[in-house]
Amino acid sequence: MAVAVAACACCSCARTESENFNEIEDKALDIWVSSNAPDAEPLGDTGMYYEVIEALPDGSATKVDVRGRWVDVKYVIRDLNGDIVYNRNEETARLLGTFTKYTHYIPDRLYIASRQDLSDIPSGIYQAITEITPGETWRVYIPSRLAFASYGIQTSTGYGGQQALESDVPVILDSLRIVNIVDNPQSEGRQAIEEFVTASRPEGWGKPLNDTVREGLYMDILARPNPGDTVPLNQSANIYYRCGFLDGHLIDSNIDTVLYNRFGTVRSSDITSPIRVTRMSTDPNNANQMPAKVFYAILPDLCYGDSVRIAVPSEYGYYRQYMYPDKSSSMWSSSATFTFDFTYQYKDYTTEDTDYFFASSTYYMPYSTSSGTTVPVAEIKPYTPLIYEFVVQKPES
């Protein structure tokens, strides 16, 4: 009983310290806002403040419930000194000197869960996104407990700012604007692929809508010197690849000239050897062999010597998995497993094609040999469609 009482006393003390810190920070933020942002207004009773930087014409503002949906948002995160600590804008990154050719500078796609406690987004940012009217631009002042709390922001990848954000520091969510709202990102990705491959050359591939290898999966043969020399069952192919987004941004490749021409260097952590892929006739027991599901799905349609490009909907790529913009992350390892955690209530938009054998959840990534040091790479959001290019070689005996 004495131990229990002592534990309760410690918890009470810690809670009191936290409450005191929050009260002090709230008062300090209130004074700071009064002096530095006098036009800002309280955002309900959250302890946050906001000001409208760019409003919609009178009468045109329409509030939209974005909960349970995906949003593309533009924003910059600053500390109270105005220094940028997180940025997704290419022009700003070049001015800050944080720009990298690996980083994909686009608005942030976020899933807004039905409730904040089901979201992985800091509660203050979640609250701001659910309150802002699409088309408006806000500046939001957020106390640390509703922002990044004791974690701060330590990113040193292309999204980094002028400096890291220290722990327990209020932030300014600056230039916040919703630019797109998506109900079903998997369907949106498929539609984007269809529009891309059916567009006339050279903008697209000029293919008929129903000219698919599998449902939603398109292949364009660039060269086929050995027609009929298909990959037999239980035999392997060596594949050199490049992978990118529909807008042309390169994510990764195991071809040294591709890496050098795009990024100006081949890093020691980059893999430049072919990936050996086996066409299996039974459930695979070596599941950790693929960078993405497309390698299984497309193999029966390839010939040795082929050079092809493939429009890949997310279910044949990285699907629901979020891939960090740092290739030293464990998700870029040689035996990363996709857990598809539904903690954050991502809706299941699954459409499956099961007439080929594929290990259900384990993927061999286009991985990095680096560990411990930051290795920038393009961030891949869940349900992102991709473009792959393959060169298929017959392994030497």
Protein backbone atom coordinates (compact mmCIF):
# COMPACT_ATOMS: atom_id res chain seq x y z
CA MET A 1 0.00 0.00 0.00
CA ALA A 2 2.86 2.38 0.87
CA VAL A 3 4.41 1.76 -2.57
CA ALA A 4 1.08 2.48 -4.25
CA VAL A 5 0.68 5.70 -2.29
CA ALA A 6 4.22 6.77 -3.19
CA ALA A 7 3.58 6.00 -6.88
CA CYS A 8 0.37 8.02 -6.83
CA ALA A 9 2.22 10.90 -5.19
CA CYS A 10 4.90 10.82 -7.91
CA CYS A 11 2.28 10.73 -10.66
CA SER A 12 0.45 13.62 -9.01
CA CYS A 13 3.70 15.59 -8.78
CA ALA A 14 4.55 14.94 -12.44
CA ARG A 15 1.03 15.90 -13.49
CA THR A 16 1.23 19.10 -11.45
CA GLU A 17 4.58 20.02 -13.02
CA SER A 18 3.13 19.41 -16.49
CA GLU A 19 0.04 21.47 -15.71
CA ASN A 20 2.19 24.29 -14.34
CA PHE A 21 4.37 24.24 -17.47
CA ASN A 22 1.30 24.34 -19.71
CA GLU A 23 -0.17 27.26 -17.77
CA ILE A 24 3.09 29.19 -17.91
CA GLU A 25 3.52 28.48 -21.63
CA ASP A 26 -0.10 29.47 -22.37
CA LYS A 27 0.37 32.80 -20.58
CA ALA A 28 3.68 33.40 -22.34
CA LEU A 29 2.17 32.57 -25.75
CA ASP A 30 -0.79 34.84 -25.04
CA ILE A 31 1.56 37.74 -24.26
CA TRP A 32 3.69 36.98 -27.34
CA VAL A 33 0.67 36.86 -29.65
CA SER A 34 -0.70 40.12 -28.20
CA SER A 35 2.59 41.85 -28.98
CA ASN A 36 3.57 40.18 -32.27
CA ALA A 37 0.28 39.10 -33.86
CA PRO A 38 -2.40 41.48 -32.54
CA ASP A 39 -4.88 40.44 -35.25
CA ALA A 40 -4.76 36.79 -34.24
CA GLU A 41 -7.85 35.31 -32.58
CA PRO A 42 -8.22 32.34 -30.22
CA LEU A 43 -9.06 29.10 -32.01
CA GLY A 44 -11.84 28.04 -29.70
CA ASP A 45 -10.62 27.07 -26.25
CA THR A 46 -7.65 25.09 -27.53
CA GLY A 47 -4.96 27.51 -26.38
CA MET A 48 -4.13 28.13 -30.05
CA TYR A 49 -4.45 31.34 -32.03
CA TYR A 50 -4.96 31.92 -35.73
CA GLU A 51 -5.10 34.71 -38.24
CA VAL A 52 -6.42 34.64 -41.79
CA ILE A 53 -3.66 35.62 -44.21
CA GLU A 54 -5.76 35.17 -47.32
CA ALA A 55 -9.54 35.08 -47.05
CA LEU A 56 -12.12 34.06 -49.60
CA PRO A 57 -14.53 36.68 -51.00
CA ASP A 58 -17.47 37.39 -48.74
CA GLY A 59 -20.12 34.72 -49.02
CA SER A 60 -17.95 32.24 -50.92
CA ALA A 61 -16.44 30.42 -47.94
CA THR A 62 -17.81 26.90 -47.47
CA LYS A 63 -16.74 24.84 -44.47
CA VAL A 64 -15.86 21.25 -45.40
CA ASP A 65 -15.65 18.29 -43.04
CA VAL A 66 -12.34 16.63 -43.97
CA ARG A 67 -12.42 13.96 -41.26
CA GLY A 68 -12.12 10.47 -42.71
CA ARG A 69 -10.58 11.95 -45.86
CA TRP A 70 -7.15 12.77 -47.26
CA VAL A 71 -5.98 16.32 -47.78
CA ASP A 72 -3.08 17.86 -49.67
CA VAL A 73 -1.84 20.81 -47.63
CA LYS A 74 0.78 23.50 -48.05
CA TYR A 75 2.46 24.89 -44.95
CA VAL A 76 5.72 25.97 -43.37
CA ILE A 77 6.60 25.45 -39.71
CA ARG A 78 8.49 28.20 -37.88
CA ASP A 79 9.55 28.86 -34.34
CA LEU A 80 8.49 32.08 -32.61
CA ASN A 81 11.62 33.81 -33.90
CA GLY A 82 10.32 33.26 -37.41
CA ASP A 83 13.04 30.75 -38.31
CA ILE A 84 11.87 27.90 -40.54
CA VAL A 85 12.18 24.44 -38.98
CA TYR A 86 10.23 22.42 -41.60
CA ASN A 87 9.55 23.23 -45.24
CA ARG A 88 8.17 21.40 -48.31
CA ASN A 89 8.58 24.18 -50.87
CA GLU A 90 11.42 23.81 -53.41
CA GLU A 91 11.99 27.53 -53.92
CA THR A 92 12.22 28.10 -50.16
CA ALA A 93 14.57 25.11 -49.79
CA ARG A 94 16.91 26.59 -52.41
CA LEU A 95 16.93 29.91 -50.55
CA LEU A 96 17.64 28.16 -47.24
CA GLY A 97 20.37 25.99 -48.74
CA THR A 98 18.56 22.79 -47.71
CA PHE A 99 17.54 21.73 -51.24
CA THR A 100 18.39 18.19 -52.38
CA LYS A 101 17.74 16.63 -55.78
CA TYR A 102 16.42 13.53 -54.01
CA THR A 103 13.59 15.32 -52.21
CA HIS A 104 10.13 15.48 -53.78
CA TYR A 105 8.87 19.00 -53.03
CA ILE A 106 5.09 18.76 -53.16
CA PRO A 107 2.23 19.53 -50.73
CA ASP A 108 1.93 17.18 -47.79
CA ARG A 109 -0.75 14.48 -48.15
CA LEU A 110 -2.25 13.69 -44.76
CA TYR A 111 -5.00 11.36 -43.61
CA ILE A 112 -7.40 13.18 -41.29
CA ALA A 113 -8.80 10.47 -39.04
CA SER A 114 -12.35 10.56 -37.77
CA ARG A 115 -11.05 11.56 -34.33
CA GLN A 116 -7.82 13.23 -33.29
CA ASP A 117 -6.89 10.41 -30.92
CA LEU A 118 -6.83 8.06 -33.93
CA SER A 119 -4.44 10.32 -35.83
CA ASP A 120 -0.66 10.43 -35.96
CA ILE A 121 -0.79 14.17 -36.70
CA PRO A 122 0.03 16.50 -33.78
CA SER A 123 -3.27 17.54 -32.21
CA GLY A 124 -2.81 21.25 -32.90
CA ILE A 125 -2.13 20.69 -36.59
CA TYR A 126 -5.06 18.25 -36.77
CA GLN A 127 -7.31 20.87 -35.17
CA ALA A 128 -6.15 23.61 -37.56
CA ILE A 129 -6.73 21.45 -40.65
CA THR A 130 -10.22 20.47 -39.52
CA GLU A 131 -11.12 24.10 -38.82
CA ILE A 132 -9.69 25.92 -41.84
CA THR A 133 -11.93 26.57 -44.83
CA PRO A 134 -10.46 25.20 -48.08
CA GLY A 135 -9.24 28.09 -50.21
CA GLU A 136 -8.22 30.23 -47.23
CA THR A 137 -4.67 30.65 -45.95
CA TRP A 138 -4.05 30.73 -42.20
CA ARG A 139 -1.23 31.34 -39.78
CA VAL A 140 -1.67 29.34 -36.58
CA TYR A 141 0.18 29.74 -33.28
CA ILE A 142 0.38 26.44 -31.40
CA PRO A 143 1.65 25.70 -27.86
CA SER A 144 4.23 22.95 -27.68
CA ARG A 145 1.97 20.33 -26.06
CA LEU A 146 -0.30 20.51 -29.15
CA ALA A 147 2.62 20.58 -31.59
CA PHE A 148 5.82 18.57 -31.26
CA ALA A 149 6.09 18.55 -27.44
CA SER A 150 9.30 16.98 -26.17
CA TYR A 151 10.19 15.52 -29.58
CA GLY A 152 10.90 18.72 -31.45
CA ILE A 153 11.82 18.47 -35.15
CA GLN A 154 15.23 17.07 -35.97
CA THR A 155 14.91 16.49 -39.72
CA SER A 156 18.07 16.96 -41.72
CA THR A 157 16.61 15.72 -45.00
CA GLY A 158 15.43 18.02 -47.79
CA TYR A 159 12.42 19.12 -45.74
CA GLY A 160 14.65 20.59 -43.05
CA GLY A 161 14.72 24.27 -42.24
CA GLN A 162 17.21 26.79 -40.97
CA GLN A 163 17.63 24.82 -37.76
CA ALA A 164 16.11 22.03 -35.71
CA LEU A 165 13.15 22.68 -33.41
CA GLU A 166 14.01 22.20 -29.77
CA SER A 167 11.74 20.30 -27.42
CA ASP A 168 8.81 21.98 -25.65
CA VAL A 169 8.75 25.00 -27.97
CA PRO A 170 5.61 26.65 -29.42
CA VAL A 171 5.44 26.79 -33.21
CA ILE A 172 3.89 28.83 -35.98
CA LEU A 173 2.05 26.79 -38.60
CA ASP A 174 2.51 29.32 -41.37
CA SER A 175 0.82 29.67 -44.78
CA LEU A 176 -1.52 26.74 -44.05
CA ARG A 177 -3.74 26.02 -47.04
CA ILE A 178 -5.73 22.97 -48.18
CA VAL A 179 -5.19 22.57 -51.91
CA ASN A 180 -6.95 19.24 -52.50
CA ILE A 181 -9.35 16.86 -50.76
CA VAL A 182 -9.43 13.17 -51.68
CA ASP A 183 -11.98 10.58 -50.61
CA ASN A 184 -10.33 7.50 -52.14
CA PRO A 185 -6.60 7.89 -52.88
CA GLN A 186 -6.31 4.44 -54.43
CA SER A 187 -9.05 5.23 -56.95
CA GLU A 188 -7.52 8.66 -57.56
CA GLY A 189 -4.16 7.04 -58.28
CA ARG A 190 -5.67 4.60 -60.76
CA GLN A 191 -7.45 7.43 -62.53
CA ALA A 192 -4.20 9.40 -62.75
CA ILE A 193 -2.49 6.37 -64.34
CA GLU A 194 -5.32 5.91 -66.84
CA GLU A 195 -5.13 9.56 -67.88
CA PHE A 196 -1.35 9.34 -68.18
CA VAL A 197 -1.08 6.17 -70.28
CA THR A 198 -4.01 7.01 -72.59
CA ALA A 199 -2.75 10.54 -73.35
CA SER A 200 -1.17 10.99 -76.77
CA ARG A 201 2.59 10.66 -77.09
CA PRO A 202 4.93 12.22 -76.09
CA GLU A 203 2.98 13.47 -73.05
CA GLY A 204 1.55 9.99 -72.47
CA TRP A 205 1.87 6.48 -73.86
CA GLY A 206 -1.04 6.61 -76.31
CA LYS A 207 -2.43 3.25 -75.12
CA PRO A 208 -6.08 2.12 -75.20
CA LEU A 209 -7.75 2.18 -71.79
CA ASN A 210 -8.24 -1.61 -71.71
CA ASP A 211 -4.67 -2.46 -72.82
CA THR A 212 -3.60 -3.73 -69.40
CA VAL A 213 -1.34 -6.58 -68.27
CA ARG A 214 -3.46 -6.98 -65.17
CA GLU A 215 -6.28 -4.89 -63.79
CA GLY A 216 -5.02 -1.32 -63.59
CA LEU A 217 -1.43 -2.33 -64.51
CA TYR A 218 -0.09 -1.03 -67.83
CA MET A 219 3.11 -2.08 -69.62
CA ASP A 220 4.73 -0.28 -72.55
CA ILE A 221 7.35 -2.32 -74.41
CA LEU A 222 10.27 -0.11 -75.41
CA ALA A 223 12.37 -2.93 -76.89
CA ARG A 224 11.84 -6.71 -77.23
CA PRO A 225 14.78 -8.31 -79.06
CA ASN A 226 13.86 -11.85 -77.99
CA PRO A 227 10.08 -12.32 -78.39
CA GLY A 228 8.93 -15.65 -77.02
CA ASP A 229 11.93 -16.03 -74.71
CA THR A 230 9.79 -15.66 -71.61
CA VAL A 231 10.92 -16.31 -68.05
CA PRO A 232 10.01 -19.96 -67.32
CA LEU A 233 8.34 -21.05 -64.10
CA ASN A 234 10.82 -21.48 -61.25
CA GLN A 235 13.48 -19.63 -63.24
CA SER A 236 14.97 -16.22 -62.52
CA ALA A 237 15.63 -12.93 -64.24
CA ASN A 238 18.08 -10.18 -63.36
CA ILE A 239 16.36 -6.82 -63.40
CA TYR A 240 17.80 -3.35 -63.57
CA TYR A 241 15.16 -0.76 -62.76
CA ARG A 242 14.34 2.85 -62.22
CA CYS A 243 11.35 4.00 -60.19
CA GLY A 244 9.70 7.41 -60.13
CA PHE A 245 6.49 9.38 -59.71
CA LEU A 246 4.06 10.22 -62.49
CA ASP A 247 5.49 13.75 -62.60
CA GLY A 248 8.89 12.33 -63.61
CA HIS A 249 10.71 12.73 -60.28
CA LEU A 250 13.16 9.85 -59.82
CA ILE A 251 12.90 7.92 -56.56
CA ASP A 252 15.50 5.22 -56.96
CA SER A 253 17.43 3.06 -59.44
CA ASN A 254 20.06 0.33 -59.40
CA ILE A 255 21.64 1.73 -62.58
CA ASP A 256 24.68 3.87 -61.83
CA THR A 257 24.37 6.05 -64.95
CA VAL A 258 20.73 6.83 -64.13
CA LEU A 259 21.68 7.87 -60.60
CA TYR A 260 24.60 9.96 -61.76
CA ASN A 261 22.68 11.72 -64.56
CA ARG A 262 19.82 12.63 -62.20
CA PHE A 263 21.59 13.30 -58.92
CA GLY A 264 25.14 14.07 -60.02
CA THR A 265 26.61 11.31 -57.88
CA VAL A 266 26.37 7.65 -56.95
CA ARG A 267 26.41 7.34 -53.17
CA SER A 268 28.23 4.56 -51.38
CA SER A 269 24.87 3.49 -49.96
CA ASP A 270 23.25 3.08 -53.40
CA ILE A 271 22.80 -0.43 -54.74
CA THR A 272 23.91 -0.78 -58.38
CA SER A 273 23.67 -4.54 -58.88
CA PRO A 274 20.69 -6.25 -60.54
CA ILE A 275 17.80 -7.64 -58.52
CA ARG A 276 17.30 -11.36 -59.12
CA VAL A 277 13.63 -12.25 -59.32
CA THR A 278 12.21 -15.79 -59.51
CA ARG A 279 8.96 -16.68 -61.23
CA MET A 280 7.45 -19.17 -58.78
CA SER A 281 4.75 -21.72 -59.36
CA THR A 282 3.88 -22.23 -55.69
CA ASP A 283 3.64 -19.97 -52.67
CA PRO A 284 7.06 -18.35 -52.36
CA ASN A 285 9.23 -19.22 -49.40
CA ASN A 286 11.76 -16.48 -50.17
CA ALA A 287 9.36 -13.57 -49.85
CA ASN A 288 12.10 -11.01 -49.20
CA GLN A 289 13.14 -10.76 -52.84
CA MET A 290 11.15 -7.91 -54.36
CA PRO A 291 11.26 -4.13 -54.25
CA ALA A 292 7.50 -4.03 -54.85
CA LYS A 293 4.62 -6.30 -55.78
CA VAL A 294 4.84 -5.26 -59.44
CA PHE A 295 7.92 -7.48 -59.83
CA TYR A 296 5.78 -10.54 -59.18
CA ALA A 297 2.79 -9.32 -61.16
CA ILE A 298 4.70 -8.44 -64.33
CA LEU A 299 7.21 -11.31 -64.50
CA PRO A 300 5.03 -13.75 -66.50
CA ASP A 301 4.69 -11.09 -69.23
CA LEU A 302 8.42 -10.35 -69.59
CA CYS A 303 10.96 -11.76 -72.01
CA TYR A 304 14.71 -11.88 -71.52
CA GLY A 305 16.24 -8.80 -73.13
CA ASP A 306 13.11 -6.68 -72.62
CA SER A 307 13.19 -2.98 -71.92
CA VAL A 308 9.79 -1.95 -70.64
CA ARG A 309 8.07 0.73 -68.62
CA ILE A 310 5.18 0.01 -66.30
CA ALA A 311 2.48 2.26 -64.85
CA VAL A 312 1.98 0.91 -61.34
CA PRO A 313 -1.09 1.58 -59.17
CA SER A 314 -0.35 1.57 -55.46
CA GLU A 315 -1.57 -1.97 -54.81
CA TYR A 316 1.32 -3.22 -56.97
CA GLY A 317 3.79 -0.78 -55.40
CA TYR A 318 4.10 0.39 -51.81
CA TYR A 319 0.34 0.35 -51.23
CA ARG A 320 -0.62 1.66 -47.77
CA GLN A 321 2.97 1.90 -46.54
CA TYR A 322 4.56 5.27 -45.81
CA MET A 323 8.20 5.38 -46.93
CA TYR A 324 10.39 7.86 -45.04
CA PRO A 325 12.44 10.51 -46.89
CA ASP A 326 15.57 8.94 -45.39
CA LYS A 327 16.98 5.77 -46.95
CA SER A 328 18.78 4.84 -43.73
CA SER A 329 15.33 4.25 -42.18
CA SER A 330 14.50 0.62 -41.41
CA MET A 331 11.69 0.74 -43.99
CA TRP A 332 14.34 0.89 -46.73
CA SER A 333 16.19 -2.16 -45.39
CA SER A 334 16.77 -5.40 -47.27
CA SER A 335 14.08 -7.28 -45.36
CA ALA A 336 11.51 -4.65 -44.48
CA THR A 337 8.04 -5.96 -43.73
CA PHE A 338 4.90 -4.01 -44.54
CA THR A 339 2.70 -4.25 -41.47
CA PHE A 340 -0.17 -2.16 -42.84
CA ASP A 341 -1.05 -0.97 -39.36
CA PHE A 342 -4.61 0.34 -39.13
CA THR A 343 -3.93 2.26 -35.91
CA TYR A 344 -4.70 5.49 -37.71
CA GLN A 345 -7.89 4.17 -39.35
CA TYR A 346 -6.76 4.30 -42.94
CA LYS A 347 -9.71 3.06 -44.93
CA ASP A 348 -9.14 -0.17 -46.84
CA TYR A 349 -9.46 0.60 -50.56
CA THR A 350 -8.03 -2.80 -51.50
CA THR A 351 -8.54 -4.27 -54.95
CA GLU A 352 -6.59 -7.49 -55.30
CA ASP A 353 -5.46 -9.59 -58.25
CA THR A 354 -4.51 -13.02 -56.95
CA ASP A 355 -3.88 -15.15 -60.05
CA TYR A 356 -0.16 -15.10 -59.38
CA PHE A 357 1.80 -16.05 -56.28
CA PHE A 358 2.86 -13.33 -53.94
CA ALA A 359 3.92 -13.36 -50.30
CA SER A 360 1.23 -11.41 -48.54
CA SER A 361 3.03 -8.66 -46.68
CA THR A 362 6.82 -8.84 -46.94
CA TYR A 363 8.77 -6.79 -49.45
CA TYR A 364 12.41 -6.48 -50.38
CA MET A 365 12.97 -2.78 -50.83
CA PRO A 366 15.32 -0.92 -53.18
CA TYR A 367 17.38 -0.67 -50.07
CA SER A 368 20.33 1.21 -48.70
CA THR A 369 23.56 -0.23 -47.32
CA SER A 370 23.85 2.79 -45.06
CA SER A 371 23.05 2.81 -41.38
CA GLY A 372 23.17 5.58 -38.84
CA THR A 373 23.68 8.45 -41.27
CA THR A 374 20.92 10.33 -43.04
CA VAL A 375 20.52 9.34 -46.70
CA PRO A 376 17.92 11.56 -48.43
CA VAL A 377 15.43 9.84 -50.74
CA ALA A 378 12.02 10.79 -52.06
CA GLU A 379 9.19 10.36 -49.56
CA ILE A 380 6.43 8.01 -50.73
CA LYS A 381 2.99 8.56 -49.28
CA PRO A 382 0.40 5.77 -48.97
CA TYR A 383 -1.53 4.88 -52.16
CA THR A 384 0.97 6.62 -54.46
CA PRO A 385 1.02 5.42 -58.12
CA LEU A 386 4.48 4.98 -59.65
CA ILE A 387 6.28 4.49 -62.95
CA TYR A 388 8.86 1.70 -63.21
CA GLU A 389 11.26 0.94 -66.03
CA PHE A 390 12.82 -2.54 -66.28
CA VAL A 391 15.71 -3.97 -68.24
CA VAL A 392 15.44 -7.78 -68.04
CA GLN A 393 18.52 -9.99 -68.33
CA LYS A 394 19.01 -13.75 -68.30
CA PRO A 395 21.25 -14.74 -65.38
CA GLU A 396 24.48 -16.49 -66.21
CA SER A 397 24.45 -20.12 -65.22
